[in-house]
Amino acid sequence: MLKPRYSIFSLARNAISYHKDWERAWRSPQPKTEYDAVIVGAGGHGLATAYYLAKNHKMTNIAVVEKGWLGGGNTGRNTTIIRSNYLQDSSMAIYELARSLYEGLSQELNYNMMFSPRGVMMLCQTQHELRAFQRTAHANRLAGLDCRMITSAEVKEIVPIINDDANCRYPILGAFWQPRGGTGRHDAVAWGYARGADALGVDIIQNCEVTGIQRDGDHVVGLETSRGVIKTKKIGVVTAGNVSTVMDMAGVRMPIESQCLQALVSEPIKPVLGCVVMANTVHGYISQSDKGELVIGGGTDGYNNYSQRGSFPALEHTVTALVETFPIISRLRMLRQWGGIVDMTGDRSPIIGKTPVEGLYVNCGWGTGGFKAIPGSGFVFADTLANDRPHPIAEPFSLNRFSEGRLIDESVSAAVAH
């Protein structure tokens, strides 16, 4: 049984004193001149990588450098969906590893991740979609995943607010259901991994922008940052949305494109939706937060950009598409919206592993599905860095698969690009 870090009396005392003596969750150290390894990017994937490097591989002389604040990138700009019902074997392996790790993450890190296995439903609103998800359901069953097809009547039972009129433009023909999928708390995942890594001796250095990657021939030897030069022989780049710019510093061109993904939440209402629903035909997805807000998102912008502001036309398109399927949302007001930068590969699958430069490793290309993969991604990437060879689960996602024609096509199972 994990002991709480604070008693109710200490919580009350610190609240009254405006947290004057409140213990920091992690240190704010000055960067050392040299580390055994440096992770670039203090989002969920980077922090998870650092945590597993220290915990599983006993590498504690490592640092995580972040140009802004911890978790201020895509980790804090997503809709927190967790699922593993992808089509390809390699995809199922990495996402199911992540989903299974999420189940025990709060206990392992002694930090509430608010993991909620409420179920993920992927609607079938055309015959083509029905056949495609039946294929994925068979593949999932062969892989041992708890996923199955459900009827339109079962859909209505699980989601009473859905429009099940058989004469509507996009009728409900059934759905693909993963009962053990769900949601988590995005910032809590970053904070939990940060505290866990810090406790194991990892230096987390915020406001430390990487401005250059130093090479000695085909080997990396250090990083140039806004806080000085840091020597290291191992660099793991995990900067979702900005990987291309960082890898350019080492002379490595990445086969990815950066796009903006937008989302919004409604004003809070009473509980009306007990699971995550993805309506791929109308291109939108929806869930309800613990605060009562409806969390709504759709696809990425149709052009490359580095915007984090979003745009009203994209949001209008997403909400308009969902109104017919969920008529209740037509009367709600938007509370807030945001955008995040996602990096997309041609086959909508990530890139994990070594690069042509010795000592330089990359973890990117998660597109719009990065949050769900955080624990599994960090686990296998840490193993890859520590042992200088791909983890078996990460091996199919190598960079050279694009030149060898070994694509892992998840453009359909990624659903609303999510």
Protein backbone atom coordinates (compact mmCIF):
# COMPACT_ATOMS: atom_id res chain seq x y z
CA MET A 1 0.00 0.00 0.00
CA LEU A 2 1.48 3.32 -1.08
CA LYS A 3 1.67 5.92 1.67
CA PRO A 4 0.29 9.40 0.90
CA ARG A 5 2.93 12.12 0.68
CA TYR A 6 0.84 14.53 2.72
CA SER A 7 -1.60 14.18 5.59
CA ILE A 8 -4.89 16.07 5.63
CA PHE A 9 -3.39 18.36 8.28
CA SER A 10 -0.35 19.25 6.17
CA LEU A 11 -2.61 19.93 3.19
CA ALA A 12 -4.73 22.32 5.26
CA ARG A 13 -1.64 24.01 6.74
CA ASN A 14 -0.09 24.61 3.33
CA ALA A 15 -3.38 25.86 1.89
CA ILE A 16 -3.65 28.47 4.65
CA SER A 17 -0.01 29.53 4.15
CA TYR A 18 -0.52 29.86 0.36
CA HIS A 19 1.73 26.83 -0.21
CA LYS A 20 4.73 28.71 1.20
CA ASP A 21 6.50 25.52 2.32
CA TRP A 22 4.94 23.23 -0.27
CA GLU A 23 7.36 20.54 -1.46
CA ARG A 24 8.09 20.77 -5.20
CA ALA A 25 7.01 17.77 -7.27
CA TRP A 26 10.35 17.80 -9.11
CA ARG A 27 13.62 19.71 -8.91
CA SER A 28 14.65 22.59 -11.17
CA PRO A 29 18.39 21.87 -11.55
CA GLN A 30 21.04 23.67 -13.54
CA PRO A 31 22.22 21.58 -16.50
CA LYS A 32 25.42 19.64 -16.02
CA THR A 33 28.21 19.89 -18.56
CA GLU A 34 27.84 16.22 -19.52
CA TYR A 35 25.25 13.40 -19.31
CA ASP A 36 25.17 9.77 -20.37
CA ALA A 37 22.00 10.53 -22.36
CA VAL A 38 19.79 13.54 -23.06
CA ILE A 39 16.11 13.42 -24.02
CA VAL A 40 14.93 16.41 -26.06
CA GLY A 41 11.31 17.17 -25.24
CA ALA A 42 9.58 17.08 -21.84
CA GLY A 43 6.20 15.89 -23.03
CA GLY A 44 4.64 12.59 -22.05
CA HIS A 45 6.79 10.47 -24.38
CA GLY A 46 10.04 12.15 -23.37
CA LEU A 47 9.34 11.99 -19.65
CA ALA A 48 8.21 8.37 -19.88
CA THR A 49 11.42 7.53 -21.75
CA ALA A 50 13.51 9.15 -19.01
CA TYR A 51 11.57 7.37 -16.28
CA TYR A 52 12.01 3.92 -17.83
CA LEU A 53 15.69 4.59 -18.61
CA ALA A 54 16.24 5.22 -14.92
CA LYS A 55 13.88 2.56 -13.55
CA ASN A 56 14.47 -0.33 -15.94
CA HIS A 57 18.01 0.35 -17.15
CA LYS A 58 19.55 2.13 -14.14
CA MET A 59 20.66 5.11 -16.21
CA THR A 60 20.36 8.03 -13.81
CA ASN A 61 22.92 10.46 -15.23
CA ILE A 62 20.44 11.66 -17.83
CA ALA A 63 18.56 14.87 -18.54
CA VAL A 64 15.34 15.92 -20.21
CA VAL A 65 15.54 19.34 -21.85
CA GLU A 66 12.46 21.34 -22.79
CA LYS A 67 12.36 24.67 -24.64
CA GLY A 68 9.20 25.72 -22.78
CA TRP A 69 7.47 24.26 -19.77
CA LEU A 70 6.95 20.64 -18.90
CA GLY A 71 3.93 19.16 -20.70
CA GLY A 72 3.24 22.43 -22.53
CA GLY A 73 3.17 20.89 -26.00
CA ASN A 74 0.87 18.21 -27.35
CA THR A 75 0.67 16.45 -23.99
CA GLY A 76 -1.44 19.35 -22.75
CA ARG A 77 -3.27 19.81 -26.06
CA ASN A 78 -5.13 16.59 -26.74
CA THR A 79 -8.39 14.80 -26.00
CA THR A 80 -6.92 11.96 -23.89
CA ILE A 81 -8.34 8.96 -25.75
CA ILE A 82 -6.74 5.60 -24.89
CA ARG A 83 -7.30 2.56 -27.10
CA SER A 84 -5.39 -0.22 -28.85
CA ASN A 85 -7.84 -1.50 -31.48
CA TYR A 86 -5.62 -0.96 -34.51
CA LEU A 87 -5.36 -3.23 -37.54
CA GLN A 88 -1.71 -4.19 -37.98
CA ASP A 89 0.00 -6.60 -35.57
CA SER A 90 2.85 -4.19 -34.86
CA SER A 91 0.42 -1.38 -34.06
CA MET A 92 -1.66 -3.55 -31.77
CA ALA A 93 1.48 -4.59 -29.89
CA ILE A 94 2.69 -1.04 -29.09
CA TYR A 95 -0.74 0.41 -28.31
CA GLU A 96 -1.85 -2.55 -26.20
CA LEU A 97 1.40 -2.38 -24.24
CA ALA A 98 0.60 1.28 -23.56
CA ARG A 99 -3.03 0.60 -22.63
CA SER A 100 -2.06 -2.19 -20.24
CA LEU A 101 0.59 0.01 -18.61
CA TYR A 102 -2.00 2.77 -18.15
CA GLU A 103 -4.07 0.39 -16.03
CA GLY A 104 -1.46 0.26 -13.29
CA LEU A 105 0.29 3.59 -13.83
CA SER A 106 -1.36 5.47 -10.97
CA GLN A 107 -0.21 2.80 -8.52
CA GLU A 108 3.29 2.55 -9.98
CA LEU A 109 3.94 6.30 -9.91
CA ASN A 110 1.83 7.03 -6.82
CA TYR A 111 0.09 9.74 -8.81
CA ASN A 112 -3.54 9.72 -9.91
CA MET A 113 -3.63 9.53 -13.71
CA MET A 114 -7.43 9.50 -13.62
CA PHE A 115 -7.40 6.55 -16.02
CA SER A 116 -11.01 5.76 -16.85
CA PRO A 117 -11.59 2.54 -18.82
CA ARG A 118 -15.07 3.69 -19.85
CA GLY A 119 -14.91 2.07 -23.28
CA VAL A 120 -14.27 3.34 -26.80
CA MET A 121 -16.97 2.97 -29.46
CA MET A 122 -16.25 3.42 -33.17
CA LEU A 123 -19.51 3.86 -35.05
CA CYS A 124 -20.29 2.12 -38.34
CA GLN A 125 -22.45 4.48 -40.42
CA THR A 126 -21.83 3.03 -43.88
CA GLN A 127 -21.61 -0.52 -45.21
CA HIS A 128 -17.97 0.05 -46.15
CA GLU A 129 -17.17 1.15 -42.62
CA LEU A 130 -18.99 -1.85 -41.19
CA ARG A 131 -16.93 -4.26 -43.30
CA ALA A 132 -13.68 -2.46 -42.46
CA PHE A 133 -14.27 -2.65 -38.72
CA GLN A 134 -15.33 -6.28 -38.94
CA ARG A 135 -11.93 -6.97 -40.47
CA THR A 136 -10.19 -5.08 -37.66
CA ALA A 137 -12.30 -6.89 -35.06
CA HIS A 138 -11.15 -10.26 -36.41
CA ALA A 139 -7.51 -9.13 -36.35
CA ASN A 140 -7.90 -7.87 -32.77
CA ARG A 141 -9.48 -11.11 -31.64
CA LEU A 142 -6.61 -13.12 -33.15
CA ALA A 143 -4.19 -10.89 -31.22
CA GLY A 144 -6.03 -11.54 -27.97
CA LEU A 145 -7.53 -8.05 -27.57
CA ASP A 146 -10.86 -7.56 -25.86
CA CYS A 147 -12.63 -5.91 -28.82
CA ARG A 148 -15.83 -6.87 -30.62
CA MET A 149 -18.56 -5.70 -32.95
CA ILE A 150 -21.88 -4.66 -31.39
CA THR A 151 -25.31 -4.13 -32.90
CA SER A 152 -27.15 -0.85 -33.38
CA ALA A 153 -29.43 -1.81 -30.48
CA GLU A 154 -26.40 -2.24 -28.22
CA VAL A 155 -25.07 1.12 -29.40
CA LYS A 156 -28.32 2.80 -28.35
CA GLU A 157 -28.24 1.04 -24.98
CA ILE A 158 -24.69 2.24 -24.26
CA VAL A 159 -25.25 5.75 -25.72
CA PRO A 160 -28.90 6.74 -25.21
CA ILE A 161 -28.38 10.26 -26.66
CA ILE A 162 -27.38 8.97 -30.09
CA ASN A 163 -29.68 9.45 -33.07
CA ASP A 164 -30.67 5.93 -34.14
CA ASP A 165 -33.28 6.94 -36.71
CA ALA A 166 -32.96 4.45 -39.57
CA ASN A 167 -33.88 7.16 -42.10
CA CYS A 168 -31.21 9.69 -41.09
CA ARG A 169 -28.40 10.54 -43.48
CA TYR A 170 -25.85 8.39 -41.63
CA PRO A 171 -27.74 5.58 -39.84
CA ILE A 172 -26.14 3.54 -37.07
CA LEU A 173 -25.40 0.09 -38.50
CA GLY A 174 -23.42 -1.09 -35.49
CA ALA A 175 -20.11 -0.26 -33.88
CA PHE A 176 -16.65 -1.54 -33.05
CA TRP A 177 -16.35 -1.65 -29.25
CA GLN A 178 -13.30 -1.82 -26.97
CA PRO A 179 -14.68 -1.91 -23.41
CA ARG A 180 -11.25 -1.54 -21.77
CA GLY A 181 -10.32 1.59 -23.71
CA GLY A 182 -11.12 4.99 -22.28
CA THR A 183 -9.51 8.25 -21.21
CA GLY A 184 -6.92 9.64 -18.80
CA ARG A 185 -5.77 13.01 -17.49
CA HIS A 186 -3.18 14.43 -19.88
CA ASP A 187 -1.29 16.76 -17.55
CA ALA A 188 -1.34 14.20 -14.74
CA VAL A 189 0.49 11.73 -16.99
CA ALA A 190 3.25 14.26 -17.60
CA TRP A 191 3.43 15.29 -13.95
CA GLY A 192 3.45 11.70 -12.71
CA TYR A 193 6.26 10.64 -15.02
CA ALA A 194 8.18 13.84 -14.21
CA ARG A 195 7.97 13.23 -10.49
CA GLY A 196 8.88 9.57 -10.93
CA ALA A 197 11.89 10.35 -13.12
CA ASP A 198 13.04 13.14 -10.82
CA ALA A 199 12.89 10.84 -7.81
CA LEU A 200 15.24 8.46 -9.64
CA GLY A 201 17.80 11.21 -10.22
CA VAL A 202 16.85 12.45 -13.70
CA ASP A 203 17.44 16.19 -14.32
CA ILE A 204 14.41 17.87 -15.89
CA ILE A 205 15.54 21.19 -17.35
CA GLN A 206 12.82 23.55 -18.54
CA ASN A 207 13.27 26.74 -20.58
CA CYS A 208 16.25 25.12 -22.28
CA GLU A 209 15.87 25.31 -26.06
CA VAL A 210 18.06 23.15 -28.28
CA THR A 211 19.76 25.33 -30.90
CA GLY A 212 22.16 22.80 -32.39
CA ILE A 213 23.30 19.17 -32.37
CA GLN A 214 27.06 18.67 -32.35
CA ARG A 215 28.57 15.85 -34.38
CA ASP A 216 32.02 14.34 -34.68
CA GLY A 217 31.75 12.65 -38.06
CA ASP A 218 28.91 10.14 -37.85
CA HIS A 219 28.59 10.39 -34.05
CA VAL A 220 26.76 12.88 -31.85
CA VAL A 221 28.86 14.46 -29.14
CA GLY A 222 26.60 17.08 -27.62
CA LEU A 223 23.82 19.63 -27.74
CA GLU A 224 23.94 23.37 -28.08
CA THR A 225 21.20 24.92 -25.96
CA SER A 226 20.04 28.32 -24.79
CA ARG A 227 21.62 27.42 -21.45
CA GLY A 228 24.97 26.31 -22.77
CA VAL A 229 26.59 23.28 -24.39
CA ILE A 230 25.73 19.85 -22.97
CA LYS A 231 28.05 16.99 -23.85
CA THR A 232 26.50 13.56 -24.41
CA LYS A 233 26.94 10.54 -26.63
CA LYS A 234 23.24 9.63 -26.72
CA ILE A 235 20.40 11.94 -27.75
CA GLY A 236 16.75 10.93 -27.94
CA VAL A 237 14.60 13.40 -29.88
CA VAL A 238 10.95 13.32 -28.78
CA THR A 239 9.56 16.70 -29.85
CA ALA A 240 6.15 16.01 -31.36
CA GLY A 241 5.28 18.44 -34.12
CA ASN A 242 8.78 19.94 -34.21
CA VAL A 243 10.90 16.86 -34.87
CA SER A 244 11.82 17.95 -38.40
CA THR A 245 13.37 21.21 -37.20
CA VAL A 246 15.37 19.50 -34.44
CA MET A 247 16.58 16.65 -36.66
CA ASP A 248 17.64 19.15 -39.33
CA MET A 249 20.25 20.35 -36.83
CA ALA A 250 21.91 16.95 -37.15
CA GLY A 251 21.50 16.80 -40.93
CA VAL A 252 18.78 14.14 -40.83
CA ARG A 253 15.68 14.65 -42.97
CA MET A 254 12.48 13.16 -41.59
CA PRO A 255 9.56 11.83 -43.71
CA ILE A 256 6.91 13.67 -41.72
CA GLU A 257 4.59 16.64 -42.09
CA SER A 258 3.40 18.94 -39.30
CA GLN A 259 -0.25 19.92 -39.10
CA CYS A 260 -2.59 21.51 -36.60
CA LEU A 261 -5.18 19.40 -34.79
CA GLN A 262 -8.00 21.22 -33.05
CA ALA A 263 -10.48 20.39 -30.32
CA LEU A 264 -13.00 22.10 -28.05
CA VAL A 265 -15.07 21.56 -24.94
CA SER A 266 -18.64 22.58 -24.33
CA GLU A 267 -20.12 24.16 -21.28
CA PRO A 268 -20.53 21.53 -18.51
CA ILE A 269 -23.78 19.58 -18.38
CA LYS A 270 -25.09 16.63 -16.41
CA PRO A 271 -23.67 13.17 -17.31
CA VAL A 272 -25.07 12.09 -20.68
CA LEU A 273 -22.22 10.13 -22.26
CA GLY A 274 -20.49 7.29 -20.47
CA CYS A 275 -17.92 6.29 -23.09
CA VAL A 276 -15.84 7.68 -25.94
CA VAL A 277 -17.64 7.71 -29.30
CA MET A 278 -15.79 8.07 -32.60
CA ALA A 279 -17.96 8.84 -35.63
CA ASN A 280 -15.53 8.42 -38.48
CA THR A 281 -17.96 8.87 -41.37
CA VAL A 282 -18.95 12.34 -40.19
CA HIS A 283 -15.39 12.89 -39.01
CA GLY A 284 -15.70 13.67 -35.34
CA TYR A 285 -15.35 12.16 -31.88
CA ILE A 286 -16.84 13.01 -28.53
CA SER A 287 -16.55 12.12 -24.83
CA GLN A 288 -17.56 13.72 -21.56
CA SER A 289 -15.07 14.90 -18.98
CA ASP A 290 -15.41 14.40 -15.24
CA LYS A 291 -16.38 18.08 -15.00
CA GLY A 292 -19.31 17.55 -17.35
CA GLU A 293 -17.82 19.18 -20.44
CA LEU A 294 -18.27 17.47 -23.79
CA VAL A 295 -14.82 17.05 -25.35
CA ILE A 296 -15.10 17.24 -29.14
CA GLY A 297 -12.51 16.85 -31.87
CA GLY A 298 -12.05 15.93 -35.51
CA GLY A 299 -9.35 15.71 -38.14
CA THR A 300 -6.25 17.76 -38.80
CA ASP A 301 -6.02 20.86 -40.95
CA GLY A 302 -5.73 20.15 -44.64
CA TYR A 303 -2.42 21.96 -44.97
CA ASN A 304 0.96 21.93 -43.24
CA ASN A 305 1.48 24.47 -40.48
CA TYR A 306 2.88 25.00 -36.98
CA SER A 307 -0.17 26.75 -35.53
CA GLN A 308 -1.42 26.08 -32.01
CA ARG A 309 -4.32 28.51 -32.23
CA GLY A 310 -6.78 26.63 -34.38
CA SER A 311 -9.50 28.15 -36.54
CA PHE A 312 -13.26 28.49 -36.33
CA PRO A 313 -13.99 26.98 -39.79
CA ALA A 314 -12.36 23.69 -38.76
CA LEU A 315 -14.29 23.62 -35.49
CA GLU A 316 -17.53 24.49 -37.26
CA HIS A 317 -16.98 21.62 -39.69
CA THR A 318 -16.44 19.15 -36.84
CA VAL A 319 -19.42 20.25 -34.77
CA THR A 320 -21.74 20.46 -37.78
CA ALA A 321 -20.89 16.88 -38.68
CA LEU A 322 -21.62 15.62 -35.17
CA VAL A 323 -24.92 17.46 -34.62
CA GLU A 324 -26.98 15.01 -36.68
CA THR A 325 -25.54 12.01 -34.82
CA PHE A 326 -25.82 13.70 -31.41
CA PRO A 327 -28.70 16.23 -31.63
CA ILE A 328 -28.27 17.19 -27.96
CA ILE A 329 -25.08 19.12 -28.69
CA SER A 330 -26.81 21.61 -31.02
CA ARG A 331 -27.93 23.73 -28.08
CA LEU A 332 -24.62 23.78 -26.20
CA ARG A 333 -22.18 26.67 -26.11
CA MET A 334 -18.45 26.27 -26.66
CA LEU A 335 -16.44 26.89 -23.51
CA ARG A 336 -12.91 26.88 -24.96
CA GLN A 337 -10.87 25.53 -27.88
CA TRP A 338 -7.22 24.81 -28.62
CA GLY A 339 -4.85 23.45 -31.23
CA GLY A 340 -1.76 21.27 -31.17
CA ILE A 341 0.99 20.50 -33.68
CA VAL A 342 1.09 16.87 -34.78
CA ASP A 343 3.66 15.15 -36.95
CA MET A 344 2.22 12.81 -39.56
CA THR A 345 3.96 10.04 -41.48
CA GLY A 346 2.76 8.71 -44.82
CA ASP A 347 1.44 5.48 -43.32
CA ARG A 348 0.06 7.12 -40.14
CA SER A 349 2.37 5.03 -37.96
CA PRO A 350 5.20 6.28 -35.70
CA ILE A 351 8.95 6.23 -36.18
CA ILE A 352 10.87 4.75 -33.23
CA GLY A 353 14.55 3.86 -33.20
CA LYS A 354 18.04 4.64 -34.43
CA THR A 355 19.00 7.10 -37.15
CA PRO A 356 21.92 7.16 -39.62
CA VAL A 357 23.85 9.24 -37.04
CA GLU A 358 25.35 7.11 -34.26
CA GLY A 359 23.98 8.01 -30.85
CA LEU A 360 20.99 9.89 -32.29
CA TYR A 361 17.61 8.28 -31.73
CA VAL A 362 14.14 9.49 -32.67
CA ASN A 363 10.60 8.88 -31.47
CA CYS A 364 8.02 10.73 -33.56
CA GLY A 365 5.25 10.50 -36.13
CA TRP A 366 2.50 9.56 -33.71
CA GLY A 367 0.16 11.91 -35.53
CA THR A 368 -2.97 12.49 -33.54
CA GLY A 369 -2.68 9.33 -31.45
CA GLY A 370 0.34 10.08 -29.31
CA PHE A 371 -1.34 10.37 -25.92
CA LYS A 372 -2.67 6.84 -25.93
CA ALA A 373 0.82 5.48 -26.63
CA ILE A 374 2.83 7.35 -23.98
CA PRO A 375 3.64 4.49 -21.55
CA GLY A 376 4.39 1.95 -24.29
CA SER A 377 6.35 4.45 -26.35
CA GLY A 378 8.53 5.44 -23.41
CA PHE A 379 9.05 1.81 -22.40
CA VAL A 380 10.34 0.62 -25.79
CA PHE A 381 12.25 3.81 -26.62
CA ALA A 382 14.11 3.65 -23.31
CA ASP A 383 15.11 0.07 -24.08
CA THR A 384 16.28 1.10 -27.55
CA LEU A 385 18.45 3.93 -26.18
CA ALA A 386 19.89 1.86 -23.36
CA ASN A 387 20.86 -1.11 -25.54
CA ASP A 388 21.57 0.66 -28.85
CA ARG A 389 19.28 -1.65 -30.78
CA PRO A 390 15.53 -1.64 -31.46
CA HIS A 391 13.22 -3.11 -28.86
CA PRO A 392 11.32 -6.02 -30.52
CA ILE A 393 8.04 -4.10 -30.36
CA ALA A 394 9.68 -0.96 -31.78
CA GLU A 395 11.63 -2.73 -34.53
CA PRO A 396 8.86 -2.57 -37.21
CA PHE A 397 8.67 1.22 -36.74
CA SER A 398 12.24 1.91 -37.84
CA LEU A 399 13.08 4.91 -40.01
CA ASN A 400 14.37 2.77 -42.86
CA ARG A 401 10.97 1.12 -43.44
CA PHE A 402 10.14 3.95 -45.84
CA SER A 403 13.13 3.22 -48.08
CA GLU A 404 12.52 -0.53 -47.83
CA GLY A 405 8.79 -0.36 -48.57
CA ARG A 406 7.69 -1.90 -45.25
CA LEU A 407 4.87 0.52 -44.54
CA ILE A 408 2.53 -0.02 -41.59
CA ASP A 409 -0.68 1.36 -43.03
CA GLU A 410 -3.01 2.56 -40.27
CA SER A 411 -4.74 5.29 -42.26
CA VAL A 412 -8.11 3.54 -41.74
CA SER A 413 -7.76 2.18 -38.22
CA ALA A 414 -6.42 5.53 -37.04
CA ALA A 415 -10.06 6.55 -37.48
CA VAL A 416 -10.72 10.31 -37.34
CA ALA A 417 -6.95 10.58 -37.75
CA HIS A 418 -7.00 9.76 -34.05
